[in-house]
Amino acid sequence: MVLETLYFSAELFEAGPEQPFNSVDVFEFMAIHGYSIGKVQERVTAVLASAQGAKLMAVEVGAPLLKTERLVFEKRGFPLEFRIGYAHVPDGCFYVSSD
């Protein structure tokens, strides 16, 4: 189970009712608006599920979760996206990241 929250700058993206964020791929959406990804910074930590997180993810309070915080920069250097994700991996974890 994975739970993610994405944040975008309202100044960079103008998604109207005809094109809500949840109806298009994030990278496609960025390309439509003329942005190219330059680099990504990611931090991964182990955390315990809070009461709210446990309810949303259907796990027990205090269950171990993998928390990922990702900041995506446009090739000109300004931030495009901030994403926080929580993953419950009961049988272990395999994580791969590359530049």
PDB file of N, CA and C in Angstrom:
ATOM      1  N   MET A   1       0.838  -1.174   0.000  1.00  0.00           N
ATOM      2  CA  MET A   1       0.000   0.000   0.000  1.00  0.00           C
ATOM      3  C   MET A   1       0.879   1.231   0.000  1.00  0.00           C
ATOM      4  N   VAL A   2       0.572   2.189  -0.865  1.00  0.00           N
ATOM      5  CA  VAL A   2       1.311   3.441  -0.960  1.00  0.00           C
ATOM      6  C   VAL A   2       0.324   4.605  -0.885  1.00  0.00           C
ATOM      7  N   LEU A   3       0.670   5.610  -0.108  1.00  0.00           N
ATOM      8  CA  LEU A   3      -0.131   6.823   0.015  1.00  0.00           C
ATOM      9  C   LEU A   3       0.784   7.997  -0.308  1.00  0.00           C
ATOM     10  N   GLU A   4       0.433   8.794  -1.336  1.00  0.00           N
ATOM     11  CA  GLU A   4       1.271   9.915  -1.734  1.00  0.00           C
ATOM     12  C   GLU A   4       0.469  11.208  -1.766  1.00  0.00           C
ATOM     13  N   THR A   5       1.152  12.299  -1.419  1.00  0.00           N
ATOM     14  CA  THR A   5       0.599  13.639  -1.541  1.00  0.00           C
ATOM     15  C   THR A   5       1.572  14.458  -2.366  1.00  0.00           C
ATOM     16  N   LEU A   6       1.067  15.125  -3.402  1.00  0.00           N
ATOM     17  CA  LEU A   6       1.892  15.948  -4.274  1.00  0.00           C
ATOM     18  C   LEU A   6       1.522  17.408  -4.106  1.00  0.00           C
ATOM     19  N   TYR A   7       2.549  18.264  -4.142  1.00  0.00           N
ATOM     20  CA  TYR A   7       2.343  19.701  -4.046  1.00  0.00           C
ATOM     21  C   TYR A   7       2.964  20.349  -5.281  1.00  0.00           C
ATOM     22  N   PHE A   8       2.218  21.287  -5.889  1.00  0.00           N
ATOM     23  CA  PHE A   8       2.696  22.037  -7.035  1.00  0.00           C
ATOM     24  C   PHE A   8       2.511  23.523  -6.755  1.00  0.00           C
ATOM     25  N   SER A   9       3.287  24.357  -7.429  1.00  0.00           N
ATOM     26  CA  SER A   9       3.126  25.793  -7.321  1.00  0.00           C
ATOM     27  C   SER A   9       1.957  26.232  -8.200  1.00  0.00           C
ATOM     28  N   ALA A  10       1.014  26.947  -7.615  1.00  0.00           N
ATOM     29  CA  ALA A  10      -0.130  27.445  -8.374  1.00  0.00           C
ATOM     30  C   ALA A  10       0.320  28.442  -9.441  1.00  0.00           C
ATOM     31  N   GLU A  11       1.453  29.088  -9.228  1.00  0.00           N
ATOM     32  CA  GLU A  11       1.967  30.048 -10.206  1.00  0.00           C
ATOM     33  C   GLU A  11       2.483  29.365 -11.462  1.00  0.00           C
ATOM     34  N   LEU A  12       2.930  28.112 -11.336  1.00  0.00           N
ATOM     35  CA  LEU A  12       3.503  27.402 -12.487  1.00  0.00           C
ATOM     36  C   LEU A  12       2.469  26.644 -13.292  1.00  0.00           C
ATOM     37  N   PHE A  13       1.427  26.166 -12.623  1.00  0.00           N
ATOM     38  CA  PHE A  13       0.439  25.324 -13.292  1.00  0.00           C
ATOM     39  C   PHE A  13      -0.952  25.910 -13.129  1.00  0.00           C
ATOM     40  N   GLU A  14      -1.677  25.971 -14.218  1.00  0.00           N
ATOM     41  CA  GLU A  14      -3.049  26.457 -14.175  1.00  0.00           C
ATOM     42  C   GLU A  14      -3.974  25.332 -14.627  1.00  0.00           C
ATOM     43  N   ALA A  15      -4.306  24.431 -13.716  1.00  0.00           N
ATOM     44  CA  ALA A  15      -5.206  23.318 -14.035  1.00  0.00           C
ATOM     45  C   ALA A  15      -6.627  23.768 -13.776  1.00  0.00           C
ATOM     46  N   GLY A  16      -7.394  23.842 -14.828  1.00  0.00           N
ATOM     47  CA  GLY A  16      -8.784  24.238 -14.685  1.00  0.00           C
ATOM     48  C   GLY A  16      -9.658  23.019 -14.470  1.00  0.00           C
ATOM     49  N   PRO A  17     -10.959  23.233 -14.287  1.00  0.00           N
ATOM     50  CA  PRO A  17     -11.890  22.120 -14.070  1.00  0.00           C
ATOM     51  C   PRO A  17     -11.894  21.118 -15.217  1.00  0.00           C
ATOM     52  N   GLU A  18     -11.561  21.586 -16.428  1.00  0.00           N
ATOM     53  CA  GLU A  18     -11.536  20.668 -17.569  1.00  0.00           C
ATOM     54  C   GLU A  18     -10.328  19.740 -17.560  1.00  0.00           C
ATOM     55  N   GLN A  19      -9.338  20.015 -16.720  1.00  0.00           N
ATOM     56  CA  GLN A  19      -8.153  19.169 -16.657  1.00  0.00           C
ATOM     57  C   GLN A  19      -7.647  19.063 -15.213  1.00  0.00           C
ATOM     58  N   PRO A  20      -8.350  18.316 -14.364  1.00  0.00           N
ATOM     59  CA  PRO A  20      -7.897  18.178 -12.976  1.00  0.00           C
ATOM     60  C   PRO A  20      -6.583  17.395 -12.912  1.00  0.00           C
ATOM     61  N   PHE A  21      -5.815  17.632 -11.837  1.00  0.00           N
ATOM     62  CA  PHE A  21      -4.520  16.978 -11.690  1.00  0.00           C
ATOM     63  C   PHE A  21      -4.614  15.462 -11.706  1.00  0.00           C
ATOM     64  N   ASN A  22      -5.690  14.882 -11.213  1.00  0.00           N
ATOM     65  CA  ASN A  22      -5.751  13.431 -11.107  1.00  0.00           C
ATOM     66  C   ASN A  22      -6.136  12.734 -12.413  1.00  0.00           C
ATOM     67  N   SER A  23      -6.297  13.489 -13.513  1.00  0.00           N
ATOM     68  CA  SER A  23      -6.695  12.865 -14.767  1.00  0.00           C
ATOM     69  C   SER A  23      -5.551  12.731 -15.765  1.00  0.00           C
ATOM     70  N   VAL A  24      -4.353  13.178 -15.416  1.00  0.00           N
ATOM     71  CA  VAL A  24      -3.239  13.138 -16.357  1.00  0.00           C
ATOM     72  C   VAL A  24      -1.965  12.757 -15.615  1.00  0.00           C
ATOM     73  N   ASP A  25      -1.045  12.104 -16.291  1.00  0.00           N
ATOM     74  CA  ASP A  25       0.258  11.756 -15.731  1.00  0.00           C
ATOM     75  C   ASP A  25       0.993  13.036 -15.335  1.00  0.00           C
ATOM     76  N   VAL A  26       1.648  13.029 -14.182  1.00  0.00           N
ATOM     77  CA  VAL A  26       2.323  14.216 -13.656  1.00  0.00           C
ATOM     78  C   VAL A  26       3.380  14.735 -14.623  1.00  0.00           C
ATOM     79  N   PHE A  27       4.208  13.837 -15.168  1.00  0.00           N
ATOM     80  CA  PHE A  27       5.277  14.273 -16.066  1.00  0.00           C
ATOM     81  C   PHE A  27       4.713  14.770 -17.398  1.00  0.00           C
ATOM     82  N   GLU A  28       3.627  14.169 -17.848  1.00  0.00           N
ATOM     83  CA  GLU A  28       2.947  14.648 -19.054  1.00  0.00           C
ATOM     84  C   GLU A  28       2.380  16.041 -18.804  1.00  0.00           C
ATOM     85  N   PHE A  29       1.808  16.236 -17.624  1.00  0.00           N
ATOM     86  CA  PHE A  29       1.249  17.531 -17.254  1.00  0.00           C
ATOM     87  C   PHE A  29       2.331  18.604 -17.254  1.00  0.00           C
ATOM     88  N   MET A  30       3.517  18.274 -16.710  1.00  0.00           N
ATOM     89  CA  MET A  30       4.627  19.231 -16.703  1.00  0.00           C
ATOM     90  C   MET A  30       5.050  19.571 -18.128  1.00  0.00           C
ATOM     91  N   ALA A  31       5.149  18.550 -18.984  1.00  0.00           N
ATOM     92  CA  ALA A  31       5.559  18.760 -20.374  1.00  0.00           C
ATOM     93  C   ALA A  31       4.547  19.621 -21.118  1.00  0.00           C
ATOM     94  N   ILE A  32       3.252  19.401 -20.868  1.00  0.00           N
ATOM     95  CA  ILE A  32       2.195  20.197 -21.503  1.00  0.00           C
ATOM     96  C   ILE A  32       2.384  21.677 -21.190  1.00  0.00           C
ATOM     97  N   HIS A  33       2.863  21.975 -19.988  1.00  0.00           N
ATOM     98  CA  HIS A  33       3.061  23.357 -19.571  1.00  0.00           C
ATOM     99  C   HIS A  33       4.467  23.874 -19.884  1.00  0.00           C
ATOM    100  N   GLY A  34       5.254  23.091 -20.638  1.00  0.00           N
ATOM    101  CA  GLY A  34       6.554  23.554 -21.111  1.00  0.00           C
ATOM    102  C   GLY A  34       7.715  23.388 -20.151  1.00  0.00           C
ATOM    103  N   TYR A  35       7.593  22.512 -19.162  1.00  0.00           N
ATOM    104  CA  TYR A  35       8.670  22.316 -18.195  1.00  0.00           C
ATOM    105  C   TYR A  35       9.390  20.994 -18.435  1.00  0.00           C
ATOM    106  N   SER A  36      10.703  21.006 -18.221  1.00  0.00           N
ATOM    107  CA  SER A  36      11.517  19.796 -18.334  1.00  0.00           C
ATOM    108  C   SER A  36      12.194  19.540 -16.999  1.00  0.00           C
ATOM    109  N   ILE A  37      12.220  18.300 -16.580  1.00  0.00           N
ATOM    110  CA  ILE A  37      12.831  17.945 -15.299  1.00  0.00           C
ATOM    111  C   ILE A  37      14.345  17.968 -15.414  1.00  0.00           C
ATOM    112  N   GLY A  38      14.969  18.665 -14.472  1.00  0.00           N
ATOM    113  CA  GLY A  38      16.417  18.762 -14.453  1.00  0.00           C
ATOM    114  C   GLY A  38      17.051  17.816 -13.461  1.00  0.00           C
ATOM    115  N   LYS A  39      16.571  17.821 -12.220  1.00  0.00           N
ATOM    116  CA  LYS A  39      17.101  16.914 -11.207  1.00  0.00           C
ATOM    117  C   LYS A  39      16.046  16.639 -10.157  1.00  0.00           C
ATOM    118  N   VAL A  40      16.280  15.581  -9.406  1.00  0.00           N
ATOM    119  CA  VAL A  40      15.378  15.156  -8.349  1.00  0.00           C
ATOM    120  C   VAL A  40      16.196  14.887  -7.098  1.00  0.00           C
ATOM    121  N   GLN A  41      15.748  15.418  -5.972  1.00  0.00           N
ATOM    122  CA  GLN A  41      16.352  15.107  -4.677  1.00  0.00           C
ATOM    123  C   GLN A  41      15.348  14.274  -3.905  1.00  0.00           C
ATOM    124  N   GLU A  42      15.823  13.190  -3.303  1.00  0.00           N
ATOM    125  CA  GLU A  42      14.915  12.310  -2.583  1.00  0.00           C
ATOM    126  C   GLU A  42      15.527  11.898  -1.252  1.00  0.00           C
ATOM    127  N   ARG A  43      14.692  11.891  -0.225  1.00  0.00           N
ATOM    128  CA  ARG A  43      15.123  11.451   1.105  1.00  0.00           C
ATOM    129  C   ARG A  43      14.168  10.361   1.564  1.00  0.00           C
ATOM    130  N   VAL A  44      14.717   9.255   2.020  1.00  0.00           N
ATOM    131  CA  VAL A  44      13.922   8.114   2.463  1.00  0.00           C
ATOM    132  C   VAL A  44      14.236   7.842   3.929  1.00  0.00           C
ATOM    133  N   THR A  45      13.170   7.719   4.749  1.00  0.00           N
ATOM    134  CA  THR A  45      13.341   7.421   6.165  1.00  0.00           C
ATOM    135  C   THR A  45      12.313   6.379   6.599  1.00  0.00           C
ATOM    136  N   ALA A  46      12.606   5.724   7.696  1.00  0.00           N
ATOM    137  CA  ALA A  46      11.653   4.783   8.296  1.00  0.00           C
ATOM    138  C   ALA A  46      10.878   5.527   9.372  1.00  0.00           C
ATOM    139  N   VAL A  47       9.549   5.382   9.364  1.00  0.00           N
ATOM    140  CA  VAL A  47       8.690   6.030  10.346  1.00  0.00           C
ATOM    141  C   VAL A  47       7.640   5.031  10.824  1.00  0.00           C
ATOM    142  N   LEU A  48       6.893   5.436  11.857  1.00  0.00           N
ATOM    143  CA  LEU A  48       5.795   4.613  12.356  1.00  0.00           C
ATOM    144  C   LEU A  48       4.469   5.265  11.987  1.00  0.00           C
ATOM    145  N   ALA A  49       3.488   4.475  11.635  1.00  0.00           N
ATOM    146  CA  ALA A  49       2.182   4.979  11.210  1.00  0.00           C
ATOM    147  C   ALA A  49       1.482   5.711  12.346  1.00  0.00           C
ATOM    148  N   SER A  50       1.025   6.920  12.058  1.00  0.00           N
ATOM    149  CA  SER A  50       0.211   7.678  13.008  1.00  0.00           C
ATOM    150  C   SER A  50      -1.206   7.114  12.967  1.00  0.00           C
ATOM    151  N   ALA A  51      -2.066   7.605  13.845  1.00  0.00           N
ATOM    152  CA  ALA A  51      -3.458   7.138  13.853  1.00  0.00           C
ATOM    153  C   ALA A  51      -4.134   7.446  12.519  1.00  0.00           C
ATOM    154  N   GLN A  52      -3.947   8.656  12.012  1.00  0.00           N
ATOM    155  CA  GLN A  52      -4.566   9.036  10.733  1.00  0.00           C
ATOM    156  C   GLN A  52      -3.971   8.238   9.576  1.00  0.00           C
ATOM    157  N   GLY A  53      -2.644   8.114   9.551  1.00  0.00           N
ATOM    158  CA  GLY A  53      -1.989   7.353   8.493  1.00  0.00           C
ATOM    159  C   GLY A  53      -2.388   5.891   8.512  1.00  0.00           C
ATOM    160  N   ALA A  54      -2.488   5.322   9.690  1.00  0.00           N
ATOM    161  CA  ALA A  54      -2.873   3.913   9.814  1.00  0.00           C
ATOM    162  C   ALA A  54      -4.280   3.694   9.264  1.00  0.00           C
ATOM    163  N   LYS A  55      -5.181   4.630   9.559  1.00  0.00           N
ATOM    164  CA  LYS A  55      -6.553   4.510   9.063  1.00  0.00           C
ATOM    165  C   LYS A  55      -6.588   4.593   7.537  1.00  0.00           C
ATOM    166  N   LEU A  56      -5.875   5.550   6.966  1.00  0.00           N
ATOM    167  CA  LEU A  56      -5.858   5.727   5.514  1.00  0.00           C
ATOM    168  C   LEU A  56      -5.220   4.546   4.777  1.00  0.00           C
ATOM    169  N   MET A  57      -4.220   3.929   5.420  1.00  0.00           N
ATOM    170  CA  MET A  57      -3.487   2.844   4.767  1.00  0.00           C
ATOM    171  C   MET A  57      -3.951   1.461   5.196  1.00  0.00           C
ATOM    172  N   ALA A  58      -4.919   1.412   6.089  1.00  0.00           N
ATOM    173  CA  ALA A  58      -5.458   0.136   6.589  1.00  0.00           C
ATOM    174  C   ALA A  58      -4.370  -0.729   7.222  1.00  0.00           C
ATOM    175  N   VAL A  59      -3.565  -0.087   8.091  1.00  0.00           N
ATOM    176  CA  VAL A  59      -2.546  -0.798   8.862  1.00  0.00           C
ATOM    177  C   VAL A  59      -2.739  -0.427  10.330  1.00  0.00           C
ATOM    178  N   GLU A  60      -2.022  -1.092  11.215  1.00  0.00           N
ATOM    179  CA  GLU A  60      -2.116  -0.790  12.641  1.00  0.00           C
ATOM    180  C   GLU A  60      -1.327   0.475  12.976  1.00  0.00           C
ATOM    181  N   VAL A  61      -1.806   1.222  13.976  1.00  0.00           N
ATOM    182  CA  VAL A  61      -1.054   2.368  14.472  1.00  0.00           C
ATOM    183  C   VAL A  61       0.315   1.870  14.918  1.00  0.00           C
ATOM    184  N   GLY A  62       1.367   2.552  14.521  1.00  0.00           N
ATOM    185  CA  GLY A  62       2.720   2.149  14.878  1.00  0.00           C
ATOM    186  C   GLY A  62       3.362   1.176  13.900  1.00  0.00           C
ATOM    187  N   ALA A  63       2.635   0.793  12.834  1.00  0.00           N
ATOM    188  CA  ALA A  63       3.216  -0.103  11.827  1.00  0.00           C
ATOM    189  C   ALA A  63       4.390   0.608  11.147  1.00  0.00           C
ATOM    190  N   PRO A  64       5.460  -0.110  10.813  1.00  0.00           N
ATOM    191  CA  PRO A  64       6.598   0.527  10.147  1.00  0.00           C
ATOM    192  C   PRO A  64       6.238   0.925   8.717  1.00  0.00           C
ATOM    193  N   LEU A  65       6.611   2.158   8.371  1.00  0.00           N
ATOM    194  CA  LEU A  65       6.373   2.674   7.024  1.00  0.00           C
ATOM    195  C   LEU A  65       7.669   3.234   6.461  1.00  0.00           C
ATOM    196  N   LEU A  66       7.775   3.241   5.157  1.00  0.00           N
ATOM    197  CA  LEU A  66       8.884   3.871   4.465  1.00  0.00           C
ATOM    198  C   LEU A  66       8.381   5.224   3.973  1.00  0.00           C
ATOM    199  N   LYS A  67       8.980   6.323   4.459  1.00  0.00           N
ATOM    200  CA  LYS A  67       8.562   7.668   4.070  1.00  0.00           C
ATOM    201  C   LYS A  67       9.543   8.213   3.044  1.00  0.00           C
ATOM    202  N   THR A  68       9.015   8.700   1.932  1.00  0.00           N
ATOM    203  CA  THR A  68       9.837   9.267   0.872  1.00  0.00           C
ATOM    204  C   THR A  68       9.433  10.716   0.653  1.00  0.00           C
ATOM    205  N   GLU A  69      10.410  11.602   0.680  1.00  0.00           N
ATOM    206  CA  GLU A  69      10.184  13.013   0.368  1.00  0.00           C
ATOM    207  C   GLU A  69      10.986  13.324  -0.892  1.00  0.00           C
ATOM    208  N   ARG A  70      10.291  13.797  -1.930  1.00  0.00           N
ATOM    209  CA  ARG A  70      10.957  14.042  -3.209  1.00  0.00           C
ATOM    210  C   ARG A  70      10.706  15.476  -3.649  1.00  0.00           C
ATOM    211  N   LEU A  71      11.782  16.135  -4.077  1.00  0.00           N
ATOM    212  CA  LEU A  71      11.702  17.485  -4.614  1.00  0.00           C
ATOM    213  C   LEU A  71      12.201  17.428  -6.053  1.00  0.00           C
ATOM    214  N   VAL A  72      11.339  17.821  -6.994  1.00  0.00           N
ATOM    215  CA  VAL A  72      11.660  17.778  -8.417  1.00  0.00           C
ATOM    216  C   VAL A  72      11.930  19.205  -8.887  1.00  0.00           C
ATOM    217  N   PHE A  73      13.089  19.387  -9.532  1.00  0.00           N
ATOM    218  CA  PHE A  73      13.478  20.705 -10.035  1.00  0.00           C
ATOM    219  C   PHE A  73      13.398  20.744 -11.557  1.00  0.00           C
ATOM    220  N   GLU A  74      13.005  21.893 -12.082  1.00  0.00           N
ATOM    221  CA  GLU A  74      13.011  22.127 -13.519  1.00  0.00           C
ATOM    222  C   GLU A  74      14.465  22.299 -13.941  1.00  0.00           C
ATOM    223  N   LYS A  75      14.778  22.061 -15.207  1.00  0.00           N
ATOM    224  CA  LYS A  75      16.183  22.125 -15.634  1.00  0.00           C
ATOM    225  C   LYS A  75      16.790  23.513 -15.463  1.00  0.00           C
ATOM    226  N   ARG A  76      15.946  24.552 -15.315  1.00  0.00           N
ATOM    227  CA  ARG A  76      16.463  25.901 -15.056  1.00  0.00           C
ATOM    228  C   ARG A  76      16.665  26.166 -13.565  1.00  0.00           C
ATOM    229  N   GLY A  77      16.355  25.172 -12.717  1.00  0.00           N
ATOM    230  CA  GLY A  77      16.685  25.258 -11.298  1.00  0.00           C
ATOM    231  C   GLY A  77      15.556  25.521 -10.319  1.00  0.00           C
ATOM    232  N   PHE A  78      14.362  25.872 -10.783  1.00  0.00           N
ATOM    233  CA  PHE A  78      13.298  26.150  -9.819  1.00  0.00           C
ATOM    234  C   PHE A  78      12.490  24.883  -9.526  1.00  0.00           C
ATOM    235  N   PRO A  79      11.931  24.786  -8.320  1.00  0.00           N
ATOM    236  CA  PRO A  79      11.191  23.578  -7.936  1.00  0.00           C
ATOM    237  C   PRO A  79       9.856  23.468  -8.666  1.00  0.00           C
ATOM    238  N   LEU A  80       9.531  22.254  -9.113  1.00  0.00           N
ATOM    239  CA  LEU A  80       8.263  21.974  -9.786  1.00  0.00           C
ATOM    240  C   LEU A  80       7.287  21.223  -8.900  1.00  0.00           C
ATOM    241  N   GLU A  81       7.816  20.292  -8.122  1.00  0.00           N
ATOM    242  CA  GLU A  81       6.935  19.397  -7.362  1.00  0.00           C
ATOM    243  C   GLU A  81       7.598  19.010  -6.052  1.00  0.00           C
ATOM    244  N   PHE A  82       6.790  18.906  -5.005  1.00  0.00           N
ATOM    245  CA  PHE A  82       7.225  18.317  -3.740  1.00  0.00           C
ATOM    246  C   PHE A  82       6.255  17.189  -3.453  1.00  0.00           C
ATOM    247  N   ARG A  83       6.784  15.998  -3.203  1.00  0.00           N
ATOM    248  CA  ARG A  83       5.952  14.814  -3.006  1.00  0.00           C
ATOM    249  C   ARG A  83       6.346  14.127  -1.704  1.00  0.00           C
ATOM    250  N   ILE A  84       5.335  13.759  -0.926  1.00  0.00           N
ATOM    251  CA  ILE A  84       5.564  12.970   0.285  1.00  0.00           C
ATOM    252  C   ILE A  84       4.808  11.663   0.102  1.00  0.00           C
ATOM    253  N   GLY A  85       5.513  10.557   0.260  1.00  0.00           N
ATOM    254  CA  GLY A  85       4.888   9.253   0.105  1.00  0.00           C
ATOM    255  C   GLY A  85       5.161   8.354   1.293  1.00  0.00           C
ATOM    256  N   TYR A  86       4.184   7.524   1.605  1.00  0.00           N
ATOM    257  CA  TYR A  86       4.327   6.528   2.663  1.00  0.00           C
ATOM    258  C   TYR A  86       4.024   5.169   2.061  1.00  0.00           C
ATOM    259  N   ALA A  87       4.878   4.204   2.337  1.00  0.00           N
ATOM    260  CA  ALA A  87       4.670   2.850   1.819  1.00  0.00           C
ATOM    261  C   ALA A  87       4.729   1.860   2.969  1.00  0.00           C
ATOM    262  N   HIS A  88       3.794   0.931   2.948  1.00  0.00           N
ATOM    263  CA  HIS A  88       3.812  -0.160   3.912  1.00  0.00           C
ATOM    264  C   HIS A  88       4.276  -1.395   3.154  1.00  0.00           C
ATOM    265  N   VAL A  89       5.406  -1.918   3.561  1.00  0.00           N
ATOM    266  CA  VAL A  89       6.008  -3.062   2.883  1.00  0.00           C
ATOM    267  C   VAL A  89       6.212  -4.170   3.917  1.00  0.00           C
ATOM    268  N   PRO A  90       5.179  -4.979   4.155  1.00  0.00           N
ATOM    269  CA  PRO A  90       5.246  -5.953   5.242  1.00  0.00           C
ATOM    270  C   PRO A  90       6.287  -7.058   5.061  1.00  0.00           C
ATOM    271  N   ASP A  91       6.657  -7.360   3.838  1.00  0.00           N
ATOM    272  CA  ASP A  91       7.586  -8.465   3.586  1.00  0.00           C
ATOM    273  C   ASP A  91       8.988  -8.002   3.211  1.00  0.00           C
ATOM    274  N   GLY A  92       9.359  -6.789   3.560  1.00  0.00           N
ATOM    275  CA  GLY A  92      10.675  -6.284   3.228  1.00  0.00           C
ATOM    276  C   GLY A  92      10.577  -5.224   2.155  1.00  0.00           C
ATOM    277  N   CYS A  93      11.722  -4.756   1.694  1.00  0.00           N
ATOM    278  CA  CYS A  93      11.729  -3.647   0.765  1.00  0.00           C
ATOM    279  C   CYS A  93      12.878  -3.755  -0.201  1.00  0.00           C
ATOM    280  N   PHE A  94      12.628  -3.382  -1.432  1.00  0.00           N
ATOM    281  CA  PHE A  94      13.667  -3.264  -2.452  1.00  0.00           C
ATOM    282  C   PHE A  94      13.520  -1.878  -3.040  1.00  0.00           C
ATOM    283  N   TYR A  95      14.539  -1.035  -2.904  1.00  0.00           N
ATOM    284  CA  TYR A  95      14.446   0.364  -3.324  1.00  0.00           C
ATOM    285  C   TYR A  95      15.569   0.664  -4.303  1.00  0.00           C
ATOM    286  N   VAL A  96      15.222   1.306  -5.416  1.00  0.00           N
ATOM    287  CA  VAL A  96      16.201   1.670  -6.436  1.00  0.00           C
ATOM    288  C   VAL A  96      16.045   3.154  -6.755  1.00  0.00           C
ATOM    289  N   SER A  97      17.151   3.860  -6.837  1.00  0.00           N
ATOM    290  CA  SER A  97      17.126   5.257  -7.214  1.00  0.00           C
ATOM    291  C   SER A  97      18.297   5.511  -8.154  1.00  0.00           C
ATOM    292  N   SER A  98      18.095   6.366  -9.146  1.00  0.00           N
ATOM    293  CA  SER A  98      19.184   6.695 -10.049  1.00  0.00           C
ATOM    294  C   SER A  98      19.079   8.152 -10.464  1.00  0.00           C
ATOM    295  N   ASP A  99      20.162   8.717 -10.956  1.00  0.00           N
ATOM    296  CA  ASP A  99      20.182  10.122 -11.380  1.00  0.00           C
ATOM    297  C   ASP A  99      19.565  10.262 -12.742  1.00  0.00           C
TER     298      ASP A  99
END
